[in-house]
Amino acid sequence: MAEWLKRGRNAEATASNDRQVRDTVEAILADIAERGDMAVRELSIRFDKWDRDDYRLSDREIQDCIDQMSAQDIKDIEFAQTQVRNFARIQRESMSDVEVETLPGVVLGHRNVPVNAAGCYVPGGKYPLLASAHMSVITAKVAGVPRVVTCAPPFQGRPAPAIVAAQAMAGADEIYCLGGIQAVAAMGIGTPSIAPVDILVGPGNAFVAEAKRQLFGRVGIDLFAGPTETLVIADEQGADAELCATDLLGQAEHGPDSPAILLTTSEKLARETMAEIERLLEILPTADYARRAWESYGEVIVAEDEAEMVRIADDIASEHVQVMTRDPDYFLENMTNYGALFLGPRTNVAFGDKVIGTNHTLPTRKAARYTGGLWVGKFLKTCTYQRVTSDAASAEIGEYCSRLCALEGFAGHGEQANVRVRRYGGRNVPYAGAAEPLVAAE
């Protein structure tokens, strides 16, 4: 039986915060839908203290941002983008178009068709998260999306040079310095100055995530996202307190509402990790955010064995799962609910977030039960088609279709089948239940 040495904030408090966010977002989306660019500008001034006549960056402004980066900065961004692009291409190549003759004269197939326009949100108000540009823009471009729009908020009163450089180097077609709900709404709804997109992707704060949720249906989205989550699964054979504490706080620094959970079979490791967390919080430069997250949402769970750890981990369904045990592959083979696994002490969530090549836009709030993270497939529509190449096949399928339509009472559907049977099979068939054909035989 598992024991919780520390529990996080209760669900009721979280639900109350969620209601406030929903109401705020709903009102702002309605305002932007009605007033367009004027509302977007007012919101940008209100929330970001950022005012422009046109929020799209010019080629000169983009180049100025790139010029501010050092040669090493550019090399580092290029390295990360190469890794992301390479893995995205491998994923894209795994998806094949299909065409097969399933019966004599009956050909079925599907094509993987990219959406026409994608909107990529890149967070940057608190930290300039340039990695999100790699993850969204490059993935969309590898999928074949012809128009990729990016929005990122100003950082310290101006476009963040690193974000702008990353967006441009990734291949964005339109770059806007615009943040928050107003950015998501401008891309999703469209305004006179920003043409709407077909899908919205990318992480963001609670307001950005809720704006995407409310726009879902009007546009596609990558996934329903919330605050960053991390789960460290560890035992004494795979990790020590320093590794566990570092990996927990390394994600808790995202913000004060980011859950960080330790799941272990060792009470000794659990207590040592809790003590190490307190030590690190005295010296970590981002301790303000990390401490609030740990105190409100941190958890420490001691399970009886690996099987119980799998059951608990699948119930948590965490965005990031760092596995540092004697046998990490046990969790790879048995876990089913997670955004991404990081197996063994030599890797960690930061590698995935920034550089290793897998995508860092991942499901949160238990969405890992039914979806994975962002990948090229999110930008592709698998569209089917069919072709009947012989009279005999059309007549044969038509007879089955006619009888099945009769079972459902769809006379018009049935007649679509019957006319083919008469025309291509030479048989004068009535719709089932009708006294004679609805349409005369030719």
Protein backbone atom coordinates (compact mmCIF):
# COMPACT_ATOMS: atom_id res chain seq x y z
CA MET A 1 0.00 0.00 0.00
CA ALA A 2 1.52 3.31 -1.08
CA GLU A 3 2.22 6.05 1.47
CA TRP A 4 2.15 9.77 0.68
CA LEU A 5 4.89 11.58 2.62
CA LYS A 6 3.77 14.85 1.01
CA ARG A 7 0.59 15.80 -0.86
CA GLY A 8 -0.13 18.65 -3.25
CA ARG A 9 -2.89 21.22 -3.35
CA ASN A 10 -6.46 19.93 -3.29
CA ALA A 11 -8.55 19.66 -6.43
CA GLU A 12 -11.26 22.08 -5.20
CA ALA A 13 -8.85 25.01 -5.05
CA THR A 14 -7.58 24.24 -8.53
CA ALA A 15 -11.14 24.03 -9.88
CA SER A 16 -11.94 27.46 -8.45
CA ASN A 17 -8.94 28.98 -10.24
CA ASP A 18 -9.97 27.23 -13.46
CA ARG A 19 -13.43 28.83 -13.35
CA GLN A 20 -11.95 32.30 -13.04
CA VAL A 21 -9.64 31.67 -16.00
CA ARG A 22 -12.51 30.34 -18.13
CA ASP A 23 -14.67 33.39 -17.52
CA THR A 24 -11.83 35.82 -18.29
CA VAL A 25 -10.90 34.06 -21.52
CA GLU A 26 -14.49 33.80 -22.72
CA ALA A 27 -15.02 37.55 -22.36
CA ILE A 28 -11.76 38.42 -24.15
CA LEU A 29 -12.41 36.05 -27.07
CA ALA A 30 -15.84 37.58 -27.57
CA ASP A 31 -14.34 41.08 -27.55
CA ILE A 32 -11.69 40.18 -30.15
CA ALA A 33 -14.26 38.44 -32.35
CA GLU A 34 -16.33 41.64 -32.32
CA ARG A 35 -13.67 44.38 -32.47
CA GLY A 36 -10.68 42.64 -34.07
CA ASP A 37 -7.39 44.55 -34.22
CA MET A 38 -8.62 47.32 -31.94
CA ALA A 39 -9.31 44.84 -29.14
CA VAL A 40 -6.00 43.06 -29.74
CA ARG A 41 -4.10 46.33 -29.45
CA GLU A 42 -5.88 47.38 -26.27
CA LEU A 43 -5.16 44.00 -24.67
CA SER A 44 -1.50 44.12 -25.69
CA ILE A 45 -1.15 47.53 -24.05
CA ARG A 46 -3.04 46.38 -20.97
CA PHE A 47 -1.24 43.09 -20.35
CA ASP A 48 2.19 43.52 -21.97
CA LYS A 49 2.60 47.33 -22.02
CA TRP A 50 3.33 46.86 -25.73
CA ASP A 51 1.85 49.13 -28.40
CA ARG A 52 2.39 49.03 -32.16
CA ASP A 53 0.36 49.85 -35.23
CA ASP A 54 1.34 46.48 -36.71
CA TYR A 55 2.48 43.59 -34.50
CA ARG A 56 4.08 41.70 -37.38
CA LEU A 57 7.85 42.10 -37.35
CA SER A 58 9.49 43.39 -40.49
CA ASP A 59 12.37 41.62 -42.20
CA ARG A 60 14.67 44.36 -40.88
CA GLU A 61 13.48 43.85 -37.31
CA ILE A 62 13.94 40.10 -37.60
CA GLN A 63 17.47 40.49 -38.94
CA ASP A 64 18.30 42.97 -36.16
CA CYS A 65 17.31 40.30 -33.62
CA ILE A 66 19.45 37.69 -35.33
CA ASP A 67 22.39 40.12 -35.41
CA GLN A 68 22.20 40.49 -31.62
CA MET A 69 22.95 36.78 -31.16
CA SER A 70 26.54 35.64 -30.74
CA ALA A 71 28.09 33.15 -33.13
CA GLN A 72 27.90 30.50 -30.38
CA ASP A 73 24.21 31.29 -29.77
CA ILE A 74 23.47 30.74 -33.45
CA LYS A 75 25.42 27.47 -33.49
CA ASP A 76 23.58 26.23 -30.42
CA ILE A 77 20.18 27.07 -31.91
CA GLU A 78 21.17 25.40 -35.18
CA PHE A 79 22.25 22.26 -33.31
CA ALA A 80 18.96 22.01 -31.43
CA GLN A 81 16.93 22.67 -34.56
CA THR A 82 18.85 20.02 -36.48
CA GLN A 83 17.94 17.44 -33.83
CA VAL A 84 14.27 18.41 -33.84
CA ARG A 85 14.10 18.47 -37.65
CA ASN A 86 15.82 15.11 -37.96
CA PHE A 87 13.43 13.33 -35.59
CA ALA A 88 10.41 15.05 -37.15
CA ARG A 89 11.52 13.83 -40.58
CA ILE A 90 11.89 10.29 -39.24
CA GLN A 91 8.36 10.51 -37.86
CA ARG A 92 7.03 11.88 -41.15
CA GLU A 93 8.65 9.06 -43.10
CA SER A 94 6.90 6.55 -40.86
CA MET A 95 3.55 7.76 -42.19
CA SER A 96 2.76 6.36 -45.62
CA ASP A 97 0.00 7.07 -48.08
CA VAL A 98 -2.02 3.93 -48.78
CA GLU A 99 -3.83 2.53 -51.82
CA VAL A 100 -5.04 -1.07 -51.99
CA GLU A 101 -7.55 -3.15 -53.97
CA THR A 102 -9.67 -4.66 -51.19
CA LEU A 103 -12.05 -6.53 -53.55
CA PRO A 104 -11.82 -7.05 -57.32
CA GLY A 105 -12.56 -3.61 -58.75
CA VAL A 106 -12.68 -1.80 -55.38
CA VAL A 107 -9.73 0.49 -54.59
CA LEU A 108 -9.42 2.25 -51.21
CA GLY A 109 -6.73 4.61 -50.03
CA HIS A 110 -5.69 7.48 -47.84
CA ARG A 111 -3.41 10.45 -48.21
CA ASN A 112 -1.73 12.41 -45.41
CA VAL A 113 -2.55 16.01 -46.30
CA PRO A 114 -1.02 18.94 -44.35
CA VAL A 115 -3.23 21.72 -43.06
CA ASN A 116 -2.91 25.00 -44.95
CA ALA A 117 -1.99 27.25 -42.04
CA ALA A 118 -0.67 26.70 -38.52
CA GLY A 119 -0.43 29.17 -35.67
CA CYS A 120 2.43 28.56 -33.24
CA TYR A 121 2.44 30.21 -29.82
CA VAL A 122 5.87 30.66 -28.26
CA PRO A 123 5.81 31.60 -24.54
CA GLY A 124 8.20 34.34 -23.54
CA GLY A 125 6.80 36.70 -20.95
CA LYS A 126 8.62 35.21 -17.97
CA TYR A 127 11.39 33.28 -19.73
CA PRO A 128 12.27 33.64 -23.45
CA LEU A 129 11.38 30.03 -24.33
CA LEU A 130 12.96 29.88 -27.76
CA ALA A 131 12.85 26.06 -27.74
CA SER A 132 9.10 26.23 -28.36
CA ALA A 133 9.85 27.79 -31.74
CA HIS A 134 11.85 24.72 -32.76
CA MET A 135 9.19 22.33 -31.56
CA SER A 136 6.25 23.93 -33.34
CA VAL A 137 7.56 25.69 -36.44
CA ILE A 138 10.00 23.00 -37.58
CA THR A 139 7.48 20.23 -36.96
CA ALA A 140 4.84 22.05 -39.00
CA LYS A 141 7.27 22.71 -41.84
CA VAL A 142 8.43 19.08 -41.96
CA ALA A 143 4.76 18.10 -42.17
CA GLY A 144 4.46 20.34 -45.24
CA VAL A 145 2.36 23.22 -43.85
CA PRO A 146 2.71 26.07 -46.38
CA ARG A 147 1.90 28.96 -43.99
CA VAL A 148 3.28 28.96 -40.44
CA VAL A 149 2.49 31.94 -38.22
CA THR A 150 4.22 32.56 -34.89
CA CYS A 151 3.34 34.76 -31.95
CA ALA A 152 5.51 35.46 -28.90
CA PRO A 153 5.06 38.21 -26.31
CA PRO A 154 7.56 41.00 -25.81
CA PHE A 155 10.31 40.27 -23.30
CA GLN A 156 11.42 43.19 -21.14
CA GLY A 157 9.63 45.64 -23.37
CA ARG A 158 10.78 44.48 -26.80
CA PRO A 159 10.83 41.45 -29.09
CA ALA A 160 12.99 38.75 -27.49
CA PRO A 161 16.01 38.43 -29.82
CA ALA A 162 16.55 34.73 -29.11
CA ILE A 163 12.90 33.85 -29.77
CA VAL A 164 12.76 35.88 -32.96
CA ALA A 165 16.00 34.36 -34.21
CA ALA A 166 14.75 30.84 -33.45
CA GLN A 167 11.42 31.51 -35.18
CA ALA A 168 13.13 32.83 -38.29
CA MET A 169 15.73 30.06 -38.40
CA ALA A 170 12.98 27.46 -38.00
CA GLY A 171 11.24 28.79 -41.10
CA ALA A 172 8.27 30.81 -39.82
CA ASP A 173 6.46 32.68 -42.59
CA GLU A 174 4.96 35.42 -40.38
CA ILE A 175 6.40 36.51 -37.02
CA TYR A 176 4.34 38.61 -34.62
CA CYS A 177 5.42 40.13 -31.32
CA LEU A 178 2.13 39.50 -29.56
CA GLY A 179 1.35 37.49 -26.46
CA GLY A 180 -1.35 35.99 -24.32
CA ILE A 181 -5.02 35.44 -25.10
CA GLN A 182 -4.92 38.20 -27.71
CA ALA A 183 -2.25 36.37 -29.71
CA VAL A 184 -4.08 33.05 -29.65
CA ALA A 185 -7.38 34.72 -30.54
CA ALA A 186 -5.87 36.75 -33.37
CA MET A 187 -4.48 33.59 -34.96
CA GLY A 188 -7.52 31.43 -34.27
CA ILE A 189 -10.32 33.89 -35.04
CA GLY A 190 -8.45 36.19 -37.41
CA THR A 191 -8.46 39.98 -37.63
CA PRO A 192 -8.17 42.40 -40.55
CA SER A 193 -4.37 42.31 -40.15
CA ILE A 194 -3.87 38.62 -39.26
CA ALA A 195 -5.44 35.92 -41.41
CA PRO A 196 -6.82 33.00 -39.37
CA VAL A 197 -5.05 29.65 -39.18
CA ASP A 198 -6.38 26.10 -39.25
CA ILE A 199 -4.61 24.76 -36.14
CA LEU A 200 -3.14 26.32 -33.00
CA VAL A 201 -0.17 24.70 -31.28
CA GLY A 202 2.35 25.44 -28.57
CA PRO A 203 2.47 25.71 -24.78
CA GLY A 204 1.51 28.71 -22.69
CA ASN A 205 0.16 29.84 -19.35
CA ALA A 206 -3.30 28.97 -18.04
CA PHE A 207 -4.94 31.75 -20.07
CA VAL A 208 -3.29 30.69 -23.32
CA ALA A 209 -4.23 27.07 -22.72
CA GLU A 210 -7.83 28.01 -21.96
CA ALA A 211 -8.05 30.21 -25.05
CA LYS A 212 -6.95 27.27 -27.19
CA ARG A 213 -9.50 25.04 -25.45
CA GLN A 214 -12.35 27.47 -26.12
CA LEU A 215 -11.31 27.91 -29.76
CA PHE A 216 -11.15 24.15 -30.36
CA GLY A 217 -13.70 23.26 -33.01
CA ARG A 218 -13.36 26.60 -34.72
CA VAL A 219 -9.74 25.56 -35.28
CA GLY A 220 -7.78 22.45 -34.42
CA ILE A 221 -5.38 22.42 -31.51
CA ASP A 222 -2.42 20.24 -30.63
CA LEU A 223 -3.72 19.21 -27.19
CA PHE A 224 -5.29 20.50 -23.99
CA ALA A 225 -2.42 21.79 -21.90
CA GLY A 226 -1.90 23.03 -18.38
CA PRO A 227 1.09 23.84 -16.18
CA THR A 228 4.27 21.81 -16.67
CA GLU A 229 4.26 18.50 -14.78
CA THR A 230 7.08 16.19 -13.84
CA LEU A 231 7.12 12.76 -12.21
CA VAL A 232 10.40 11.25 -11.05
CA ILE A 233 10.30 7.47 -10.59
CA ALA A 234 13.39 6.33 -8.74
CA ASP A 235 14.93 3.74 -6.48
CA GLU A 236 18.25 3.50 -4.66
CA GLN A 237 19.79 1.40 -7.44
CA GLY A 238 19.07 4.02 -10.11
CA ALA A 239 19.44 7.42 -8.47
CA ASP A 240 20.39 9.42 -5.42
CA ALA A 241 18.79 12.37 -3.67
CA GLU A 242 20.78 14.96 -5.62
CA LEU A 243 19.58 13.69 -8.99
CA CYS A 244 15.98 13.36 -7.83
CA ALA A 245 15.84 16.79 -6.22
CA THR A 246 17.52 18.49 -9.18
CA ASP A 247 15.16 16.91 -11.68
CA LEU A 248 12.10 17.84 -9.62
CA LEU A 249 13.08 21.47 -9.08
CA GLY A 250 14.35 21.79 -12.65
CA GLN A 251 10.73 21.55 -13.79
CA ALA A 252 9.08 23.20 -10.79
CA GLU A 253 10.82 26.45 -11.78
CA HIS A 254 8.41 26.74 -14.73
CA GLY A 255 5.92 28.37 -12.40
CA PRO A 256 4.21 28.27 -9.02
CA ASP A 257 1.52 25.88 -10.24
CA SER A 258 3.80 23.20 -11.74
CA PRO A 259 3.37 19.79 -10.08
CA ALA A 260 6.57 17.89 -9.24
CA ILE A 261 6.18 14.37 -7.84
CA LEU A 262 8.64 11.79 -6.55
CA LEU A 263 7.51 8.16 -6.73
CA THR A 264 9.84 5.62 -5.16
CA THR A 265 10.03 2.30 -3.37
CA SER A 266 12.57 3.67 -0.90
CA GLU A 267 11.46 5.76 2.08
CA LYS A 268 15.14 6.51 2.71
CA LEU A 269 15.55 8.00 -0.79
CA ALA A 270 12.28 9.88 -0.40
CA ARG A 271 13.30 11.59 2.83
CA GLU A 272 16.81 12.33 1.60
CA THR A 273 15.34 13.90 -1.55
CA MET A 274 13.01 16.11 0.48
CA ALA A 275 15.98 17.31 2.51
CA GLU A 276 18.03 17.92 -0.65
CA ILE A 277 15.19 19.94 -2.15
CA GLU A 278 15.24 22.24 0.85
CA ARG A 279 19.00 22.67 0.46
CA LEU A 280 18.76 23.45 -3.24
CA LEU A 281 15.94 25.93 -2.70
CA GLU A 282 18.35 28.06 -0.68
CA ILE A 283 20.72 28.47 -3.65
CA LEU A 284 18.63 28.02 -6.83
CA PRO A 285 18.30 31.36 -8.68
CA THR A 286 14.72 30.49 -9.66
CA ALA A 287 13.81 29.33 -6.16
CA ASP A 288 10.94 31.80 -5.88
CA TYR A 289 8.87 29.96 -8.49
CA ALA A 290 10.23 26.51 -7.64
CA ARG A 291 9.54 26.80 -3.91
CA ARG A 292 5.95 27.91 -4.42
CA ALA A 293 5.38 25.06 -6.85
CA TRP A 294 6.98 22.50 -4.52
CA GLU A 295 5.11 23.69 -1.44
CA SER A 296 1.71 23.81 -3.19
CA TYR A 297 1.93 20.99 -5.73
CA GLY A 298 4.89 18.82 -4.77
CA GLU A 299 4.23 15.23 -3.75
CA VAL A 300 6.33 12.36 -2.40
CA ILE A 301 4.95 8.82 -2.67
CA VAL A 302 6.49 5.62 -1.38
CA ALA A 303 5.17 2.50 -3.13
CA GLU A 304 5.61 -1.16 -2.24
CA ASP A 305 7.13 -2.35 -5.51
CA GLU A 306 7.61 -1.56 -9.21
CA ALA A 307 4.17 -2.87 -10.16
CA GLU A 308 2.51 -0.47 -7.74
CA MET A 309 4.67 2.36 -9.07
CA VAL A 310 3.38 1.63 -12.58
CA ARG A 311 -0.23 1.70 -11.37
CA ILE A 312 0.26 4.99 -9.55
CA ALA A 313 2.21 6.53 -12.45
CA ASP A 314 -0.49 5.58 -14.96
CA ASP A 315 -3.12 7.16 -12.70
CA ILE A 316 -1.07 10.37 -12.45
CA ALA A 317 -0.53 10.37 -16.25
CA SER A 318 2.22 12.96 -15.99
CA GLU A 319 3.51 15.10 -18.83
CA HIS A 320 7.16 14.22 -18.12
CA VAL A 321 8.25 10.98 -16.48
CA GLN A 322 11.89 10.65 -15.47
CA VAL A 323 12.72 7.00 -14.70
CA MET A 324 15.86 6.32 -12.67
CA THR A 325 15.53 2.77 -11.39
CA ARG A 326 17.48 -0.48 -11.59
CA ASP A 327 15.42 -1.43 -14.68
CA PRO A 328 14.03 1.62 -16.55
CA ASP A 329 12.83 -0.56 -19.43
CA TYR A 330 10.29 -2.17 -17.09
CA PHE A 331 8.42 1.16 -17.13
CA LEU A 332 8.82 1.58 -20.89
CA GLU A 333 7.23 -1.84 -21.38
CA ASN A 334 4.46 -1.48 -18.80
CA MET A 335 3.44 2.17 -18.51
CA THR A 336 0.67 3.43 -20.79
CA ASN A 337 -0.15 6.98 -19.62
CA TYR A 338 2.62 9.56 -20.04
CA GLY A 339 3.63 12.44 -22.28
CA ALA A 340 7.28 11.45 -22.62
CA LEU A 341 9.59 9.03 -20.85
CA PHE A 342 13.19 9.85 -19.93
CA LEU A 343 14.90 6.56 -19.22
CA GLY A 344 17.93 6.29 -16.98
CA PRO A 345 20.02 8.84 -15.06
CA ARG A 346 22.01 9.95 -18.13
CA THR A 347 19.01 11.72 -19.65
CA ASN A 348 16.54 14.19 -18.16
CA VAL A 349 13.54 16.33 -18.98
CA ALA A 350 15.66 19.38 -19.82
CA PHE A 351 17.29 17.42 -22.67
CA GLY A 352 13.83 16.80 -24.14
CA ASP A 353 12.70 20.36 -23.47
CA LYS A 354 15.61 21.99 -25.22
CA VAL A 355 17.75 19.97 -27.55
CA ILE A 356 17.65 16.19 -27.88
CA GLY A 357 15.09 16.12 -30.69
CA THR A 358 11.80 14.84 -29.28
CA ASN A 359 8.99 17.38 -29.01
CA HIS A 360 8.44 19.18 -25.73
CA THR A 361 4.79 20.13 -26.27
CA LEU A 362 3.16 17.34 -24.28
CA PRO A 363 -0.18 16.47 -22.64
CA THR A 364 -0.89 17.60 -19.08
CA ARG A 365 -3.75 17.23 -16.59
CA LYS A 366 -4.17 13.53 -17.32
CA ALA A 367 -4.62 14.10 -21.08
CA ALA A 368 -1.85 11.51 -21.55
CA ARG A 369 -4.61 8.93 -21.04
CA TYR A 370 -5.83 9.61 -24.58
CA THR A 371 -3.20 11.55 -26.53
CA GLY A 372 0.51 11.89 -27.07
CA GLY A 373 2.37 15.12 -27.63
CA LEU A 374 2.91 17.38 -30.62
CA TRP A 375 4.42 15.69 -33.67
CA VAL A 376 4.22 15.93 -37.46
CA GLY A 377 1.00 13.90 -37.44
CA LYS A 378 -0.83 16.74 -35.65
CA PHE A 379 -0.40 18.91 -38.76
CA LEU A 380 -1.61 16.20 -41.14
CA LYS A 381 -5.13 15.13 -42.04
CA THR A 382 -5.39 11.46 -43.01
CA CYS A 383 -8.01 11.72 -45.75
CA THR A 384 -9.52 8.63 -47.35
CA TYR A 385 -10.70 8.08 -50.90
CA GLN A 386 -12.30 5.26 -52.86
CA ARG A 387 -12.51 4.21 -56.48
CA VAL A 388 -14.67 1.48 -58.09
CA THR A 389 -13.13 0.37 -61.36
CA SER A 390 -15.57 -2.22 -62.76
CA ASP A 391 -19.30 -2.52 -63.45
CA ALA A 392 -19.43 -5.84 -61.61
CA ALA A 393 -17.89 -4.37 -58.44
CA SER A 394 -20.28 -1.40 -58.45
CA ALA A 395 -23.29 -3.69 -58.82
CA GLU A 396 -22.09 -6.11 -56.12
CA ILE A 397 -21.35 -3.40 -53.55
CA GLY A 398 -24.61 -1.71 -54.55
CA GLU A 399 -26.74 -4.74 -53.67
CA TYR A 400 -25.21 -5.00 -50.20
CA CYS A 401 -25.55 -1.25 -49.69
CA SER A 402 -29.21 -1.26 -50.76
CA ARG A 403 -30.19 -3.92 -48.26
CA LEU A 404 -28.23 -2.28 -45.44
CA CYS A 405 -29.84 1.08 -46.16
CA ALA A 406 -33.25 -0.59 -45.95
CA LEU A 407 -32.42 -1.80 -42.45
CA GLU A 408 -31.90 1.82 -41.46
CA GLY A 409 -34.87 3.21 -43.37
CA PHE A 410 -32.79 5.47 -45.61
CA ALA A 411 -34.65 5.41 -48.92
CA GLY A 412 -32.50 8.05 -50.59
CA HIS A 413 -29.30 6.32 -49.59
CA GLY A 414 -30.68 3.05 -50.88
CA GLU A 415 -31.55 4.56 -54.22
CA GLN A 416 -27.96 5.78 -54.62
CA ALA A 417 -27.02 2.11 -54.52
CA ASN A 418 -29.97 0.88 -56.62
CA VAL A 419 -29.28 3.17 -59.55
CA ARG A 420 -25.77 1.67 -59.79
CA VAL A 421 -27.14 -1.86 -59.64
CA ARG A 422 -29.55 -1.07 -62.48
CA ARG A 423 -27.02 0.84 -64.55
CA TYR A 424 -23.94 -1.34 -64.08
CA GLY A 425 -25.50 -4.71 -63.19
CA GLY A 426 -28.46 -4.69 -65.52
CA ARG A 427 -30.84 -5.71 -62.74
CA ASN A 428 -34.11 -3.89 -62.14
CA VAL A 429 -34.05 -3.76 -58.32
CA PRO A 430 -36.56 -1.85 -56.20
CA TYR A 431 -35.62 -0.27 -52.91
CA ALA A 432 -36.33 -2.85 -50.21
CA GLY A 433 -39.91 -2.45 -49.07
CA ALA A 434 -40.97 -0.48 -52.16
CA ALA A 435 -43.48 -1.90 -54.63
CA GLU A 436 -41.27 -1.02 -57.61
CA PRO A 437 -38.07 0.89 -58.41
CA LEU A 438 -37.97 4.54 -57.43
CA VAL A 439 -36.24 5.21 -60.74
CA ALA A 440 -37.02 3.35 -63.96
CA ALA A 441 -34.41 1.02 -65.40
CA GLU A 442 -32.55 2.33 -68.42
